[in-house]
Amino acid sequence: MRISEVKVYKLLLPFSGEFTHSLRKRNSVKNIIVEIIADQGKITGYGEGAPRSYVTGETQESAADGIRHLIEKYPFPWELNDIIQIWDFVDSLPDNKNYNSAICALETGLLGILARKRNESVTTYCPSDFCTDTIYYGAAIPLGSGKRVKEIYRLINEMKVKRLRLKMGKNLKENTDKIGTVKRMFGDDCDLRIDVNGVWNRELAFAHIPLIKRSKVKVIEQPMPPDDPDISEFADEMQKCGVIMMADELACTKSDVERIINDGHYKMINVRLSKCGGLRRSLDIIELIRSKGISFQIGCQLGESGILSAAGRVLCLLCRDAVYYDGSYDPFLLKENITTKDVSFGVGGKAGPLEGPGLGVEVNRNALERLSDPDIIRIKNPN
């Protein structure tokens, strides 16, 4: 299969309402889409990255430029006939989080086009030791108390999802009220995680301990900044409470995860495709986590289109041993998508494989072009 051209779209995805966490308030997100064209335009593959400056340091512009750099400076498989060519290309790329969303977009595009050419699923190319046909997604609740957040509460209740990930901010009273609302709506038996995005200092973190205890929080995600010297003391307190601390923004590369494991403060890692550099690197990180006997969840970036949601579904179904799964939220969060069908889940968060070759989704080109910057980056086969 001869790849003739790679296009990079700078996509603006509108939300159905405003969504907030402790680091950002958004009505839309800026992602990157890679379109790979082969066999004289007869076959295409699509990949997606979600650059977030507060996670990997990438912006939409830097990620788009990064894709061009990676294609031009490394052994990109313009003649693509075997999966090993994709893995060799990915393995040759910099182990640097500043390229991770760009690598994710390129890799998922390459996997998609090879699998579509062969009329098979991307899962065919991945280890099957931990495969499953069914997973159960949790639900994420953003900050705020407005109309849209109340609508999210209603949807979660209707879907009978009991695994909840609650975004928290710097205000103890507001956080207390929010947990109270969750307990009233979903019962005391809901599986509750709280996600702080690293905005608590020592004083605020310790002030939350009574709330964490009485609310039966199971997991607290990234409570303090990565280099906070007080994280060790807070981790000890959480361990006494039986609460697991999970690393997220701190864990973008395999070397990051090795350091986290050696430090011993975090006993769970949040693995996200765009944050961790795509499927191969995410699976490599998960293998390391397994070997060290700690746990992990598979997460997502807020504002993924159906392409990255579908890729996330692949990763989830390859990992039956993940403790939690987050993702496939695009039908609930996005005002408009670029895939022809939503990547969603059923009652209780239940989800299985997506039908069809590649990632199992089709791209609506009209929507993609309309929602993207007209300045499309085009990289042609040099031969």
Protein backbone atom coordinates (compact mmCIF):
# COMPACT_ATOMS: atom_id res chain seq x y z
CA MET A 1 0.00 0.00 0.00
CA ARG A 2 1.50 3.32 -1.08
CA ILE A 3 0.72 6.35 1.08
CA SER A 4 0.59 9.42 -1.12
CA GLU A 5 -0.22 12.18 1.36
CA VAL A 6 -0.79 13.02 5.03
CA LYS A 7 -3.10 15.90 5.94
CA VAL A 8 -3.23 17.53 9.37
CA TYR A 9 -6.44 19.33 10.37
CA LYS A 10 -6.63 21.78 13.27
CA LEU A 11 -10.07 20.95 14.62
CA LEU A 12 -12.34 23.02 16.87
CA LEU A 13 -14.94 20.84 18.58
CA PRO A 14 -17.85 22.70 20.24
CA PHE A 15 -19.28 21.45 23.52
CA SER A 16 -23.00 21.23 24.12
CA GLY A 17 -22.42 23.49 27.14
CA GLU A 18 -19.61 24.86 29.27
CA PHE A 19 -17.42 22.27 30.99
CA THR A 20 -15.06 23.12 33.80
CA HIS A 21 -12.34 21.55 35.90
CA SER A 22 -9.87 23.17 38.26
CA LEU A 23 -7.42 24.09 35.49
CA ARG A 24 -9.68 25.05 32.60
CA LYS A 25 -13.13 26.36 31.68
CA ARG A 26 -14.22 25.50 28.15
CA ASN A 27 -16.97 25.82 25.56
CA SER A 28 -14.88 23.99 22.95
CA VAL A 29 -11.58 22.16 22.50
CA LYS A 30 -8.82 22.24 19.91
CA ASN A 31 -7.70 18.81 18.66
CA ILE A 32 -5.64 17.62 15.72
CA ILE A 33 -6.84 15.15 13.10
CA VAL A 34 -4.51 13.22 10.78
CA GLU A 35 -5.87 11.99 7.46
CA ILE A 36 -3.68 9.42 5.69
CA ILE A 37 -4.40 8.86 2.00
CA ALA A 38 -3.20 5.78 0.10
CA ASP A 39 -3.63 3.84 -3.13
CA GLN A 40 -4.45 6.95 -5.19
CA GLY A 41 -7.14 8.08 -2.80
CA LYS A 42 -8.96 4.76 -2.68
CA ILE A 43 -8.34 4.25 1.02
CA THR A 44 -8.01 6.66 3.95
CA GLY A 45 -7.25 6.37 7.63
CA TYR A 46 -7.87 8.88 10.39
CA GLY A 47 -6.12 9.50 13.69
CA GLU A 48 -6.59 12.05 16.46
CA GLY A 49 -4.58 13.74 19.16
CA ALA A 50 -5.82 15.98 21.96
CA PRO A 51 -2.98 18.39 22.79
CA ARG A 52 -3.34 19.99 26.21
CA SER A 53 -0.65 22.42 27.33
CA TYR A 54 -1.20 21.65 31.04
CA VAL A 55 -0.67 17.91 30.42
CA THR A 56 2.08 17.39 27.81
CA GLY A 57 3.03 20.99 27.08
CA GLU A 58 1.57 20.75 23.57
CA THR A 59 -0.71 23.24 21.88
CA GLN A 60 -2.72 22.60 18.75
CA GLU A 61 -0.14 24.52 16.70
CA SER A 62 2.88 22.76 18.20
CA ALA A 63 1.27 19.33 17.80
CA ALA A 64 0.40 20.02 14.15
CA ASP A 65 3.95 21.21 13.47
CA GLY A 66 5.24 18.21 15.40
CA ILE A 67 3.49 15.83 13.04
CA ARG A 68 5.27 17.37 10.07
CA HIS A 69 8.59 17.14 11.91
CA LEU A 70 8.09 13.48 12.84
CA ILE A 71 7.15 12.48 9.29
CA GLU A 72 10.05 14.34 7.70
CA LYS A 73 12.80 13.47 10.21
CA TYR A 74 11.99 9.85 11.08
CA PRO A 75 11.39 6.67 8.98
CA PHE A 76 7.73 7.22 8.14
CA PRO A 77 6.30 4.12 6.36
CA TRP A 78 5.23 5.62 3.02
CA GLU A 79 5.12 2.06 1.63
CA LEU A 80 3.01 0.37 4.29
CA ASN A 81 2.50 -3.39 4.11
CA ASP A 82 2.98 -4.75 7.61
CA ILE A 83 2.22 -3.78 11.20
CA ILE A 84 5.90 -4.06 12.14
CA GLN A 85 6.57 -0.96 10.02
CA ILE A 86 4.20 1.08 12.19
CA TRP A 87 5.71 -0.21 15.41
CA ASP A 88 9.27 0.42 14.13
CA PHE A 89 8.29 3.99 13.22
CA VAL A 90 6.71 4.66 16.62
CA ASP A 91 9.67 3.11 18.43
CA SER A 92 12.05 5.42 16.55
CA LEU A 93 10.29 8.59 17.74
CA PRO A 94 11.45 10.77 20.66
CA ASP A 95 10.52 9.61 24.15
CA ASN A 96 9.37 13.12 24.94
CA LYS A 97 5.92 14.06 26.20
CA ASN A 98 5.99 17.22 24.05
CA TYR A 99 5.23 15.01 21.02
CA ASN A 100 2.73 12.63 22.60
CA SER A 101 -0.54 13.87 21.09
CA ALA A 102 1.17 14.18 17.69
CA ILE A 103 2.43 10.60 17.94
CA CYS A 104 -1.02 9.41 19.02
CA ALA A 105 -2.65 11.03 15.98
CA LEU A 106 -0.09 9.61 13.54
CA GLU A 107 -0.14 6.12 15.03
CA THR A 108 -3.93 5.80 15.15
CA GLY A 109 -4.13 7.04 11.55
CA LEU A 110 -1.58 4.47 10.39
CA LEU A 111 -3.23 1.64 12.31
CA GLY A 112 -6.61 2.63 10.92
CA ILE A 113 -5.53 2.68 7.30
CA LEU A 114 -3.66 -0.64 7.50
CA ALA A 115 -6.60 -2.34 9.19
CA ARG A 116 -9.09 -0.86 6.71
CA LYS A 117 -6.93 -2.05 3.80
CA ARG A 118 -7.02 -5.57 5.23
CA ASN A 119 -10.66 -5.33 6.37
CA GLU A 120 -9.82 -6.17 9.97
CA SER A 121 -9.89 -4.52 13.37
CA VAL A 122 -6.98 -2.61 14.87
CA THR A 123 -7.16 -5.01 17.82
CA THR A 124 -5.70 -7.67 15.51
CA TYR A 125 -2.30 -6.00 15.87
CA CYS A 126 -2.21 -5.93 19.66
CA PRO A 127 -1.48 -8.48 22.42
CA SER A 128 -4.56 -10.49 23.34
CA ASP A 129 -3.51 -11.77 26.79
CA PHE A 130 -5.85 -9.36 28.64
CA CYS A 131 -8.59 -8.99 26.01
CA THR A 132 -12.26 -8.80 26.91
CA ASP A 133 -15.51 -8.38 25.00
CA THR A 134 -17.17 -6.16 27.60
CA ILE A 135 -16.14 -3.22 29.75
CA TYR A 136 -18.06 -0.81 31.98
CA TYR A 137 -17.33 2.88 31.68
CA GLY A 138 -17.63 5.30 34.55
CA ALA A 139 -18.98 8.84 34.30
CA ALA A 140 -17.19 12.14 34.84
CA ILE A 141 -18.88 15.06 36.61
CA PRO A 142 -17.32 18.50 35.96
CA LEU A 143 -17.10 21.45 38.32
CA GLY A 144 -20.04 23.80 38.63
CA SER A 145 -23.70 23.70 39.56
CA GLY A 146 -25.38 25.15 36.49
CA LYS A 147 -28.03 23.79 34.19
CA ARG A 148 -25.61 21.70 32.14
CA VAL A 149 -24.11 19.99 35.20
CA LYS A 150 -27.61 19.16 36.46
CA GLU A 151 -28.34 17.65 33.05
CA ILE A 152 -25.22 15.49 33.40
CA TYR A 153 -26.41 14.26 36.79
CA ARG A 154 -29.75 13.33 35.20
CA LEU A 155 -28.10 11.47 32.31
CA ILE A 156 -25.83 9.50 34.63
CA ASN A 157 -28.81 8.53 36.75
CA GLU A 158 -30.79 7.42 33.71
CA MET A 159 -27.84 5.36 32.45
CA LYS A 160 -27.51 3.73 35.89
CA VAL A 161 -23.77 4.37 36.01
CA LYS A 162 -22.35 3.92 39.51
CA ARG A 163 -18.62 4.49 38.88
CA LEU A 164 -18.24 8.24 39.26
CA ARG A 165 -15.26 10.55 38.76
CA LEU A 166 -15.89 13.89 40.39
CA LYS A 167 -13.90 16.99 39.48
CA MET A 168 -12.95 19.09 42.51
CA GLY A 169 -11.62 22.61 42.94
CA LYS A 170 -9.97 24.73 45.64
CA ASN A 171 -13.06 25.55 47.69
CA LEU A 172 -13.66 23.07 50.53
CA LYS A 173 -17.30 24.10 51.07
CA GLU A 174 -18.13 23.79 47.38
CA ASN A 175 -16.43 20.39 47.24
CA THR A 176 -18.36 19.27 50.32
CA ASP A 177 -21.66 20.36 48.79
CA LYS A 178 -20.84 18.62 45.54
CA ILE A 179 -20.06 15.29 47.19
CA GLY A 180 -23.27 15.65 49.19
CA THR A 181 -25.24 16.05 45.97
CA VAL A 182 -23.59 12.97 44.48
CA LYS A 183 -24.38 10.86 47.54
CA ARG A 184 -28.01 12.01 47.58
CA MET A 185 -28.51 11.28 43.88
CA PHE A 186 -26.56 8.05 43.47
CA GLY A 187 -26.58 6.53 46.93
CA ASP A 188 -23.87 5.82 49.44
CA ASP A 189 -22.79 2.72 47.50
CA CYS A 190 -21.54 4.59 44.41
CA ASP A 191 -17.88 4.01 43.51
CA LEU A 192 -16.47 7.51 43.99
CA ARG A 193 -13.20 8.90 42.64
CA ILE A 194 -12.23 12.55 42.98
CA ASP A 195 -9.99 14.33 40.48
CA VAL A 196 -8.21 17.48 41.66
CA ASN A 197 -5.85 18.15 38.73
CA GLY A 198 -3.07 19.07 41.15
CA VAL A 199 -4.51 22.37 42.47
CA TRP A 200 -4.46 21.65 46.22
CA ASN A 201 -1.62 22.83 48.43
CA ARG A 202 -0.70 21.09 51.68
CA GLU A 203 -3.17 23.04 53.83
CA LEU A 204 -6.09 22.45 51.48
CA ALA A 205 -5.26 18.78 50.95
CA PHE A 206 -5.17 18.04 54.68
CA ALA A 207 -8.34 20.07 55.24
CA HIS A 208 -10.15 17.67 52.87
CA ILE A 209 -9.19 14.53 54.80
CA PRO A 210 -12.36 14.38 57.00
CA LEU A 211 -14.53 14.83 53.89
CA ILE A 212 -12.63 12.10 52.04
CA LYS A 213 -13.03 9.71 54.98
CA ARG A 214 -16.74 10.16 55.63
CA SER A 215 -17.61 10.20 51.92
CA LYS A 216 -15.91 6.83 51.35
CA VAL A 217 -13.82 8.15 48.47
CA LYS A 218 -11.92 5.24 46.92
CA VAL A 219 -9.43 7.07 44.71
CA ILE A 220 -8.01 10.59 44.68
CA GLU A 221 -6.41 11.64 41.43
CA GLN A 222 -3.44 14.04 41.30
CA PRO A 223 -4.34 16.01 44.46
CA MET A 224 -1.24 18.23 44.51
CA PRO A 225 1.25 19.60 41.96
CA PRO A 226 3.78 17.02 40.71
CA ASP A 227 6.76 18.46 42.60
CA ASP A 228 5.01 19.39 45.84
CA PRO A 229 7.34 18.39 48.71
CA ASP A 230 4.35 17.57 50.96
CA ILE A 231 2.95 14.87 48.66
CA SER A 232 4.72 12.12 50.61
CA GLU A 233 3.05 13.07 53.91
CA PHE A 234 -0.36 13.35 52.28
CA ALA A 235 0.12 9.99 50.55
CA ASP A 236 0.82 8.40 53.95
CA GLU A 237 -2.41 9.87 55.31
CA MET A 238 -4.37 8.56 52.34
CA GLN A 239 -2.91 5.10 52.81
CA LYS A 240 -4.04 5.14 56.45
CA CYS A 241 -7.56 6.00 55.22
CA GLY A 242 -7.51 3.18 52.66
CA VAL A 243 -7.66 5.69 49.79
CA ILE A 244 -5.63 5.07 46.64
CA MET A 245 -3.73 7.99 45.14
CA MET A 246 -3.65 8.01 41.35
CA ALA A 247 -1.13 9.85 39.16
CA ASP A 248 -2.34 11.52 35.97
CA GLU A 249 -0.64 14.66 34.60
CA LEU A 250 2.52 13.40 36.29
CA ALA A 251 2.51 10.20 34.18
CA CYS A 252 2.98 10.94 30.46
CA THR A 253 5.91 8.69 29.53
CA LYS A 254 7.34 5.34 30.56
CA SER A 255 10.21 7.08 32.34
CA ASP A 256 7.64 9.19 34.24
CA VAL A 257 5.87 6.03 35.36
CA GLU A 258 9.13 4.37 36.41
CA ARG A 259 9.90 7.39 38.60
CA ILE A 260 6.38 7.39 40.09
CA ILE A 261 6.64 3.70 40.94
CA ASN A 262 10.04 4.20 42.56
CA ASP A 263 8.76 7.14 44.64
CA GLY A 264 5.92 4.96 45.92
CA HIS A 265 3.40 7.74 46.62
CA TYR A 266 0.92 6.75 43.92
CA LYS A 267 -0.56 3.25 43.72
CA MET A 268 -2.58 3.78 40.53
CA ILE A 269 -1.76 5.35 37.15
CA ASN A 270 -4.20 7.01 34.75
CA VAL A 271 -3.23 5.93 31.21
CA ARG A 272 -4.67 8.07 28.41
CA LEU A 273 -3.90 7.54 24.73
CA SER A 274 -3.17 11.12 23.71
CA LYS A 275 -1.30 11.90 26.93
CA CYS A 276 0.85 8.77 26.69
CA GLY A 277 1.67 8.84 22.95
CA GLY A 278 -0.74 6.36 21.41
CA LEU A 279 -1.58 2.68 21.64
CA ARG A 280 1.87 1.10 21.56
CA ARG A 281 3.35 3.38 24.19
CA SER A 282 0.26 3.13 26.39
CA LEU A 283 0.42 -0.67 26.28
CA ASP A 284 4.15 -0.54 27.08
CA ILE A 285 3.41 1.62 30.13
CA ILE A 286 0.63 -0.76 31.19
CA GLU A 287 3.01 -3.74 30.95
CA LEU A 288 5.42 -1.93 33.27
CA ILE A 289 2.59 -1.17 35.70
CA ARG A 290 1.50 -4.81 35.70
CA SER A 291 5.04 -6.01 36.35
CA LYS A 292 5.26 -3.79 39.44
CA GLY A 293 1.97 -4.95 40.91
CA ILE A 294 0.19 -1.61 41.03
CA SER A 295 -3.12 -0.76 39.38
CA PHE A 296 -4.24 1.47 36.53
CA GLN A 297 -7.25 3.00 34.89
CA ILE A 298 -7.75 3.88 31.23
CA GLY A 299 -8.85 7.47 30.90
CA CYS A 300 -9.57 10.01 28.18
CA GLN A 301 -9.13 13.69 27.40
CA LEU A 302 -12.13 15.95 27.77
CA GLY A 303 -13.42 16.66 24.27
CA GLU A 304 -12.34 13.68 22.20
CA SER A 305 -14.12 13.18 18.89
CA GLY A 306 -15.44 9.79 17.84
CA ILE A 307 -12.03 8.91 16.37
CA LEU A 308 -10.11 9.11 19.65
CA SER A 309 -13.06 7.64 21.55
CA ALA A 310 -12.95 4.63 19.21
CA ALA A 311 -9.20 4.26 19.70
CA GLY A 312 -9.78 4.47 23.45
CA ARG A 313 -12.35 1.68 23.18
CA VAL A 314 -9.69 -0.50 21.55
CA LEU A 315 -7.28 0.12 24.44
CA CYS A 316 -9.99 -0.54 27.03
CA LEU A 317 -10.96 -3.87 25.47
CA LEU A 318 -7.30 -4.93 25.47
CA CYS A 319 -7.14 -4.42 29.25
CA ARG A 320 -9.68 -6.39 31.25
CA ASP A 321 -7.51 -5.82 34.33
CA ALA A 322 -7.95 -2.03 34.37
CA VAL A 323 -9.74 -0.94 37.55
CA TYR A 324 -11.70 1.85 35.83
CA TYR A 325 -12.54 2.96 32.28
CA ASP A 326 -13.34 6.52 31.24
CA GLY A 327 -14.27 7.62 27.74
CA SER A 328 -16.82 7.42 24.92
CA TYR A 329 -18.37 10.63 26.24
CA ASP A 330 -18.62 12.45 22.89
CA PRO A 331 -22.41 11.98 22.46
CA PHE A 332 -22.93 13.51 25.90
CA LEU A 333 -20.42 16.37 25.71
CA LEU A 334 -20.13 17.47 22.08
CA LYS A 335 -22.51 19.75 20.25
CA GLU A 336 -21.22 18.30 16.99
CA ASN A 337 -18.99 15.34 16.13
CA ILE A 338 -16.94 14.42 13.06
CA THR A 339 -17.88 10.74 12.96
CA THR A 340 -21.08 9.48 11.39
CA LYS A 341 -22.07 7.54 14.49
CA ASP A 342 -21.53 8.30 18.14
CA VAL A 343 -19.18 6.14 20.14
CA SER A 344 -21.32 5.61 23.20
CA PHE A 345 -22.06 3.05 25.90
CA GLY A 346 -25.19 1.44 27.26
CA VAL A 347 -26.95 1.09 30.59
CA GLY A 348 -24.53 0.72 33.46
CA GLY A 349 -21.71 1.99 31.25
CA LYS A 350 -21.59 -1.30 29.36
CA ALA A 351 -19.67 -1.27 26.08
CA GLY A 352 -18.14 -3.72 23.62
CA PRO A 353 -16.23 -3.75 20.33
CA LEU A 354 -17.21 -1.33 17.57
CA GLU A 355 -18.29 -3.00 14.36
CA GLY A 356 -16.36 -2.42 11.16
CA PRO A 357 -12.72 -2.41 10.03
CA GLY A 358 -10.01 -0.18 11.45
CA LEU A 359 -11.21 1.72 14.51
CA GLY A 360 -14.84 0.94 13.69
CA VAL A 361 -15.92 4.50 12.87
CA GLU A 362 -16.50 6.49 9.67
CA VAL A 363 -15.54 10.16 9.39
CA ASN A 364 -17.96 12.80 8.15
CA ARG A 365 -15.64 14.75 5.87
CA ASN A 366 -18.02 17.69 5.55
CA ALA A 367 -18.10 18.12 9.32
CA LEU A 368 -14.34 17.67 9.57
CA GLU A 369 -13.62 20.37 7.00
CA ARG A 370 -16.25 22.76 8.33
CA LEU A 371 -15.01 22.52 11.93
CA SER A 372 -11.32 22.77 11.01
CA ASP A 373 -9.02 25.67 10.28
CA PRO A 374 -8.83 26.14 6.47
CA ASP A 375 -5.03 26.13 6.76
CA ILE A 376 -4.57 22.36 6.34
CA ILE A 377 -1.03 21.01 6.61
CA ARG A 378 -0.22 18.71 3.67
CA ILE A 379 2.80 16.38 3.67
CA LYS A 380 3.28 14.55 0.37
CA ASN A 381 5.21 11.37 -0.33
CA PRO A 382 8.71 12.57 -1.31
CA ASN A 383 9.00 9.79 -3.85
